[in-house]
């Protein structure tokens, strides 16, 4: 379980009541809280102007090491609906929900996906209870980065749409229309990605990234990803593990390594130097960029990542 900011537990029902006397939410909109920027963008595309959206972990933020604040607890206390990724991604969410006093629905956007199981538990620890039903996280961690496959993205959108329609039935048809249009964009982008990557020979499709966030991408699009760090950015490899990975990269003649927007690039830079490889650029894994960056939306994130990957593997 991730360590929460001690400040969070200074939030009491009394302080929440004071904060709620001057609500910042629009009174005529559904008040929705999402946990991180990628999920927030999906919800925004379905909800549009009908919702007032708060996203806890913003652009370029790392949800693996995030520490909730009193402002986060206030946001949950005023919310009509909370939407989380699940699969153990938000190790802090159960404690935040409890501290906030929120009693409404907590929707798991990843519900229904075919989850990848990690070979080892790399630092997520015990998964939160808001995880995919029917899976026992105590017998091995599940990879929570399911959004990295656009087919899974469509399942996220379906779950989000049902949740918004249930919470605000008056505008259910609006949510469904927006979701249908958004799903069409996801399908078209998925088709374009396959077209761009299919021309790359299979023996060249090997990439190293900062942490193990691209398993679903690799399964969907035929890319083999390795990383020095496991599912969570909190874990740290030993010197022995680093040395073994360098030897493996040399033996397999892996040419391209990528840094991620949420991680310190120095480890990947060291690997590149010692393995005789090059840095192919920056990929967006667990977080979007800011509005002026290359990946301000979920769709833009995929376009950017695929462009960087295709360019590096073809060179």
Protein backbone atom coordinates (compact mmCIF):
# COMPACT_ATOMS: atom_id res chain seq x y z
CA UNK A 1 0.00 0.00 0.00
CA UNK A 2 1.35 3.38 -0.90
CA UNK A 3 2.27 5.80 1.79
CA UNK A 4 -0.26 8.58 2.18
CA UNK A 5 0.56 12.13 3.02
CA UNK A 6 0.13 12.69 6.75
CA UNK A 7 -1.72 15.88 5.87
CA UNK A 8 -4.64 13.85 4.55
CA UNK A 9 -5.60 12.62 7.96
CA UNK A 10 -5.91 16.16 9.27
CA UNK A 11 -9.11 16.33 7.24
CA UNK A 12 -12.08 15.82 9.54
CA UNK A 13 -15.84 15.92 8.94
CA UNK A 14 -15.82 19.41 10.45
CA UNK A 15 -13.19 20.76 8.05
CA UNK A 16 -14.98 19.12 5.14
CA UNK A 17 -18.24 20.78 6.17
CA UNK A 18 -16.57 24.18 6.18
CA UNK A 19 -15.04 23.55 2.76
CA UNK A 20 -18.40 22.50 1.35
CA UNK A 21 -20.15 25.71 2.37
CA UNK A 22 -18.64 27.36 -0.74
CA UNK A 23 -18.68 24.58 -3.33
CA UNK A 24 -16.59 25.05 -6.46
CA UNK A 25 -18.74 22.56 -8.41
CA UNK A 26 -21.39 23.68 -10.88
CA UNK A 27 -24.74 22.93 -9.26
CA UNK A 28 -26.37 21.59 -12.47
CA UNK A 29 -23.59 19.16 -13.42
CA UNK A 30 -22.72 15.63 -12.39
CA UNK A 31 -19.71 15.86 -10.06
CA UNK A 32 -17.14 13.24 -11.09
CA UNK A 33 -13.70 12.48 -9.65
CA UNK A 34 -11.16 10.40 -11.57
CA UNK A 35 -7.80 9.26 -10.29
CA UNK A 36 -5.30 10.07 -13.06
CA UNK A 37 -5.00 12.06 -16.27
CA UNK A 38 -5.50 9.29 -18.87
CA UNK A 39 -8.70 8.13 -17.21
CA UNK A 40 -9.79 11.73 -16.76
CA UNK A 41 -9.48 12.38 -20.48
CA UNK A 42 -11.62 9.34 -21.30
CA UNK A 43 -14.30 10.50 -18.87
CA UNK A 44 -14.19 14.03 -20.28
CA UNK A 45 -14.74 12.71 -23.81
CA UNK A 46 -17.86 10.83 -22.72
CA UNK A 47 -19.18 13.35 -20.21
CA UNK A 48 -18.51 16.56 -22.10
CA UNK A 49 -20.21 19.64 -20.70
CA UNK A 50 -22.65 17.56 -18.66
CA UNK A 51 -20.07 16.83 -15.96
CA UNK A 52 -17.84 18.77 -13.58
CA UNK A 53 -14.62 16.75 -13.57
CA UNK A 54 -11.79 16.65 -11.02
CA UNK A 55 -8.71 14.52 -11.77
CA UNK A 56 -6.47 13.82 -8.79
CA UNK A 57 -3.13 12.99 -10.47
CA UNK A 58 -2.62 15.49 -13.25
CA UNK A 59 -0.43 15.65 -16.38
CA UNK A 60 3.10 14.25 -15.97
CA UNK A 61 2.14 13.00 -12.50
CA UNK A 62 3.07 9.54 -11.22
CA UNK A 63 0.11 7.77 -9.61
CA UNK A 64 2.43 5.02 -8.31
CA UNK A 65 4.00 7.37 -5.77
CA UNK A 66 1.19 9.89 -5.40
CA UNK A 67 0.28 11.17 -1.93
CA UNK A 68 -3.32 12.40 -1.64
CA UNK A 69 -3.97 15.81 -0.10
CA UNK A 70 -6.79 17.36 1.94
CA UNK A 71 -8.02 18.96 -1.31
CA UNK A 72 -8.42 15.47 -2.79
CA UNK A 73 -10.49 14.38 0.20
CA UNK A 74 -12.71 17.45 -0.18
CA UNK A 75 -13.20 16.67 -3.87
CA UNK A 76 -14.36 13.14 -3.06
CA UNK A 77 -16.62 14.37 -0.27
CA UNK A 78 -18.50 16.55 -2.78
CA UNK A 79 -18.56 14.04 -5.64
CA UNK A 80 -21.52 12.16 -7.08
CA UNK A 81 -19.31 9.55 -8.73
CA UNK A 82 -15.72 8.32 -8.40
CA UNK A 83 -14.07 6.42 -11.27
CA UNK A 84 -10.81 4.50 -10.73
CA UNK A 85 -8.59 2.31 -12.90
CA UNK A 86 -8.50 -0.63 -10.50
CA UNK A 87 -6.17 -3.64 -10.89
CA UNK A 88 -4.15 -2.34 -7.94
CA UNK A 89 -3.04 0.82 -9.73
CA UNK A 90 -4.24 3.30 -7.11
CA UNK A 91 -2.84 1.77 -3.95
CA UNK A 92 -3.93 4.83 -1.99
CA UNK A 93 -7.56 5.08 -3.09
CA UNK A 94 -9.25 3.01 -0.36
CA UNK A 95 -7.71 5.10 2.39
CA UNK A 96 -8.60 8.29 0.56
CA UNK A 97 -12.23 7.21 0.14
CA UNK A 98 -12.42 6.36 3.84
CA UNK A 99 -10.79 9.65 4.92
CA UNK A 100 -13.13 11.69 2.73
CA UNK A 101 -16.32 10.10 4.01
CA UNK A 102 -17.48 9.48 0.44
CA UNK A 103 -20.32 6.94 0.33
CA UNK A 104 -21.25 6.96 -3.36
CA UNK A 105 -20.37 4.51 -6.14
CA UNK A 106 -16.75 3.75 -6.99
CA UNK A 107 -16.62 2.54 -10.59
CA UNK A 108 -13.71 0.40 -11.84
CA UNK A 109 -13.01 1.45 -15.43
CA UNK A 110 -10.92 -1.65 -16.19
CA UNK A 111 -13.67 -4.10 -15.22
CA UNK A 112 -14.03 -6.85 -17.82
CA UNK A 113 -10.59 -6.75 -19.40
CA UNK A 114 -8.35 -9.79 -19.80
CA UNK A 115 -5.70 -8.80 -17.28
CA UNK A 116 -2.04 -9.62 -17.68
CA UNK A 117 -0.39 -11.20 -14.68
CA UNK A 118 3.09 -10.03 -13.77
CA UNK A 119 5.83 -12.60 -13.46
CA UNK A 120 6.73 -11.05 -10.12
CA UNK A 121 5.13 -8.54 -7.79
CA UNK A 122 7.32 -5.51 -8.48
CA UNK A 123 6.06 -3.16 -5.84
CA UNK A 124 2.32 -2.66 -6.04
CA UNK A 125 1.96 -4.67 -2.87
CA UNK A 126 -1.55 -5.60 -1.86
CA UNK A 127 -4.00 -4.37 -4.42
CA UNK A 128 -6.81 -2.08 -3.33
CA UNK A 129 -10.28 -3.58 -3.07
CA UNK A 130 -11.43 -1.51 -6.05
CA UNK A 131 -9.95 -4.03 -8.49
CA UNK A 132 -11.24 -6.35 -11.16
CA UNK A 133 -13.72 -8.77 -9.65
CA UNK A 134 -12.82 -12.43 -9.45
CA UNK A 135 -9.06 -11.97 -9.23
CA UNK A 136 -7.00 -12.73 -6.15
CA UNK A 137 -4.22 -10.16 -6.05
CA UNK A 138 -2.51 -11.90 -3.18
CA UNK A 139 -1.37 -14.66 -5.56
CA UNK A 140 0.59 -12.40 -7.90
CA UNK A 141 0.20 -8.84 -9.08
CA UNK A 142 -1.91 -7.98 -12.11
CA UNK A 143 -0.57 -5.47 -14.58
CA UNK A 144 -2.77 -2.38 -14.09
CA UNK A 145 -1.70 -0.55 -17.29
CA UNK A 146 -4.59 -1.94 -19.31
CA UNK A 147 -5.28 1.35 -21.11
CA UNK A 148 -2.15 0.71 -23.21
CA UNK A 149 -4.27 -1.43 -25.56
CA UNK A 150 -6.93 0.53 -27.46
CA UNK A 151 -9.25 -2.48 -27.40
CA UNK A 152 -9.15 -2.21 -23.62
CA UNK A 153 -9.68 1.52 -24.00
CA UNK A 154 -13.02 0.73 -25.62
CA UNK A 155 -13.98 -1.37 -22.59
CA UNK A 156 -13.01 1.52 -20.33
CA UNK A 157 -15.28 3.81 -22.36
CA UNK A 158 -18.18 1.33 -22.13
CA UNK A 159 -17.82 1.12 -18.34
CA UNK A 160 -17.54 4.90 -18.03
CA UNK A 161 -20.62 5.41 -20.19
CA UNK A 162 -22.72 3.02 -18.13
CA UNK A 163 -21.58 4.70 -14.93
CA UNK A 164 -22.40 8.23 -16.12
CA UNK A 165 -25.76 7.13 -17.53
CA UNK A 166 -26.67 5.43 -14.25
CA UNK A 167 -25.64 8.44 -12.18
CA UNK A 168 -27.37 10.95 -14.47
CA UNK A 169 -30.16 9.14 -16.32
CA UNK A 170 -31.62 12.42 -17.62
CA UNK A 171 -28.64 12.82 -19.95
CA UNK A 172 -27.96 9.13 -20.59
CA UNK A 173 -28.58 9.44 -24.33
CA UNK A 174 -26.09 12.30 -24.54
CA UNK A 175 -23.40 10.17 -22.88
CA UNK A 176 -24.10 7.27 -25.20
CA UNK A 177 -23.90 9.45 -28.32
CA UNK A 178 -20.60 10.94 -27.24
CA UNK A 179 -19.25 7.50 -26.36
CA UNK A 180 -20.21 6.11 -29.76
CA UNK A 181 -18.36 8.89 -31.55
CA UNK A 182 -15.32 8.49 -29.28
CA UNK A 183 -15.26 4.73 -29.77
CA UNK A 184 -15.17 5.30 -33.53
CA UNK A 185 -11.99 7.34 -33.06
CA UNK A 186 -10.42 4.58 -30.96
CA UNK A 187 -11.23 1.95 -33.60
CA UNK A 188 -9.78 4.07 -36.41
CA UNK A 189 -6.60 4.79 -34.45
CA UNK A 190 -6.15 1.12 -33.58
CA UNK A 191 -6.38 0.24 -37.27
CA UNK A 192 -3.80 2.92 -38.16
CA UNK A 193 -1.38 1.72 -35.47
CA UNK A 194 -1.46 -1.83 -36.80
CA UNK A 195 -0.83 -0.58 -40.32
CA UNK A 196 2.21 1.45 -39.18
CA UNK A 197 3.77 -1.27 -37.04
CA UNK A 198 3.08 -4.27 -39.29
CA UNK A 199 5.85 -3.20 -41.69
CA UNK A 200 8.53 -3.51 -38.98
CA UNK A 201 10.29 -6.93 -39.04
CA UNK A 202 9.51 -9.08 -36.02
CA UNK A 203 13.18 -9.44 -35.04
CA UNK A 204 13.48 -5.66 -34.70
CA UNK A 205 10.52 -5.23 -32.38
CA UNK A 206 12.44 -5.06 -29.10
CA UNK A 207 12.31 -2.02 -26.84
CA UNK A 208 13.44 -1.14 -23.32
CA UNK A 209 11.43 1.35 -21.26
CA UNK A 210 11.86 2.83 -17.80
CA UNK A 211 9.28 0.65 -16.06
CA UNK A 212 7.02 -2.22 -17.00
CA UNK A 213 4.06 -0.22 -18.30
CA UNK A 214 3.67 -1.46 -21.88
CA UNK A 215 2.73 -5.12 -21.49
CA UNK A 216 -0.74 -4.59 -22.97
CA UNK A 217 0.68 -2.52 -25.82
CA UNK A 218 3.18 -5.30 -26.56
CA UNK A 219 0.51 -8.00 -26.48
CA UNK A 220 -1.79 -6.02 -28.77
CA UNK A 221 0.74 -4.77 -31.32
CA UNK A 222 3.53 -7.35 -31.32
CA UNK A 223 6.30 -5.38 -29.60
CA UNK A 224 8.57 -6.99 -27.00
CA UNK A 225 9.15 -4.62 -24.08
CA UNK A 226 11.69 -4.97 -21.29
CA UNK A 227 12.39 -2.70 -18.36
CA UNK A 228 14.81 -2.46 -15.43
CA UNK A 229 11.88 -1.70 -13.10
CA UNK A 230 8.68 -3.67 -12.57
CA UNK A 231 5.02 -2.66 -12.65
CA UNK A 232 5.50 0.20 -10.20
CA UNK A 233 7.99 3.05 -10.42
CA UNK A 234 8.51 2.60 -6.67
CA UNK A 235 10.64 -0.51 -7.16
CA UNK A 236 14.38 -0.33 -7.76
CA UNK A 237 16.52 -2.98 -9.48
CA UNK A 238 19.69 -4.32 -7.91
CA UNK A 239 23.12 -3.91 -9.48
CA UNK A 240 23.01 -7.63 -10.34
CA UNK A 241 19.69 -7.20 -12.16
CA UNK A 242 21.01 -4.21 -14.09
CA UNK A 243 24.11 -6.17 -15.14
CA UNK A 244 21.98 -9.11 -16.27
CA UNK A 245 19.74 -6.84 -18.31
CA UNK A 246 22.75 -5.21 -19.99
CA UNK A 247 24.10 -8.62 -20.98
CA UNK A 248 20.70 -9.61 -22.32
CA UNK A 249 20.38 -6.42 -24.35
CA UNK A 250 23.79 -7.02 -25.89
CA UNK A 251 23.04 -10.67 -26.68
CA UNK A 252 19.70 -9.81 -28.28
CA UNK A 253 21.17 -6.77 -30.02
CA UNK A 254 18.43 -4.52 -28.68
CA UNK A 255 19.00 -1.17 -30.32
CA UNK A 256 16.44 1.20 -28.83
CA UNK A 257 15.65 2.35 -25.30
CA UNK A 258 13.01 4.87 -24.26
CA UNK A 259 12.60 7.06 -21.22
CA UNK A 260 9.14 7.85 -19.85
CA UNK A 261 7.66 11.19 -18.94
CA UNK A 262 7.03 10.13 -15.32
CA UNK A 263 10.45 8.61 -14.54
CA UNK A 264 14.03 9.69 -13.95
CA UNK A 265 15.88 9.07 -17.26
CA UNK A 266 19.28 8.31 -15.72
CA UNK A 267 18.82 4.55 -15.38
CA UNK A 268 17.80 4.16 -19.02
CA UNK A 269 20.65 6.42 -20.10
CA UNK A 270 23.09 4.18 -18.21
CA UNK A 271 21.66 1.08 -19.87
CA UNK A 272 21.97 2.67 -23.30
CA UNK A 273 25.61 3.60 -22.75
CA UNK A 274 26.64 0.19 -21.45
CA UNK A 275 24.61 -1.85 -23.94
CA UNK A 276 25.66 0.23 -26.95
CA UNK A 277 22.08 1.27 -27.69
CA UNK A 278 20.43 4.63 -28.35
CA UNK A 279 17.68 6.60 -26.62
CA UNK A 280 14.72 6.64 -28.96
CA UNK A 281 12.84 9.44 -27.21
CA UNK A 282 10.18 9.82 -24.53
CA UNK A 283 7.09 7.66 -24.22
CA UNK A 284 3.95 8.49 -22.24
CA UNK A 285 2.91 5.54 -20.12
CA UNK A 286 0.94 6.38 -16.96
CA UNK A 287 0.23 10.04 -17.55
CA UNK A 288 -0.60 12.51 -20.28
CA UNK A 289 1.44 15.61 -21.05
CA UNK A 290 0.25 19.12 -20.33
CA UNK A 291 -1.92 20.86 -22.95
CA UNK A 292 1.08 22.18 -24.90
CA UNK A 293 2.95 18.85 -24.87
CA UNK A 294 2.84 16.03 -27.43
CA UNK A 295 0.32 13.87 -25.56
CA UNK A 296 -2.43 16.02 -24.02
CA UNK A 297 -5.14 13.39 -24.70
CA UNK A 298 -5.43 9.61 -24.67
CA UNK A 299 -5.58 9.53 -28.48
CA UNK A 300 -2.62 11.91 -28.78
CA UNK A 301 -0.64 9.74 -26.36
CA UNK A 302 -1.01 6.74 -28.68
CA UNK A 303 -0.20 8.79 -31.77
CA UNK A 304 2.94 10.15 -30.17
CA UNK A 305 4.13 6.83 -28.73
CA UNK A 306 3.58 4.92 -31.97
CA UNK A 307 5.29 7.62 -33.99
CA UNK A 308 8.34 7.50 -31.69
CA UNK A 309 8.44 3.70 -31.68
CA UNK A 310 8.03 3.33 -35.45
CA UNK A 311 10.67 5.97 -36.14
CA UNK A 312 13.19 4.38 -33.78
CA UNK A 313 12.67 0.78 -34.93
CA UNK A 314 12.91 1.68 -38.61
CA UNK A 315 16.13 3.65 -38.24
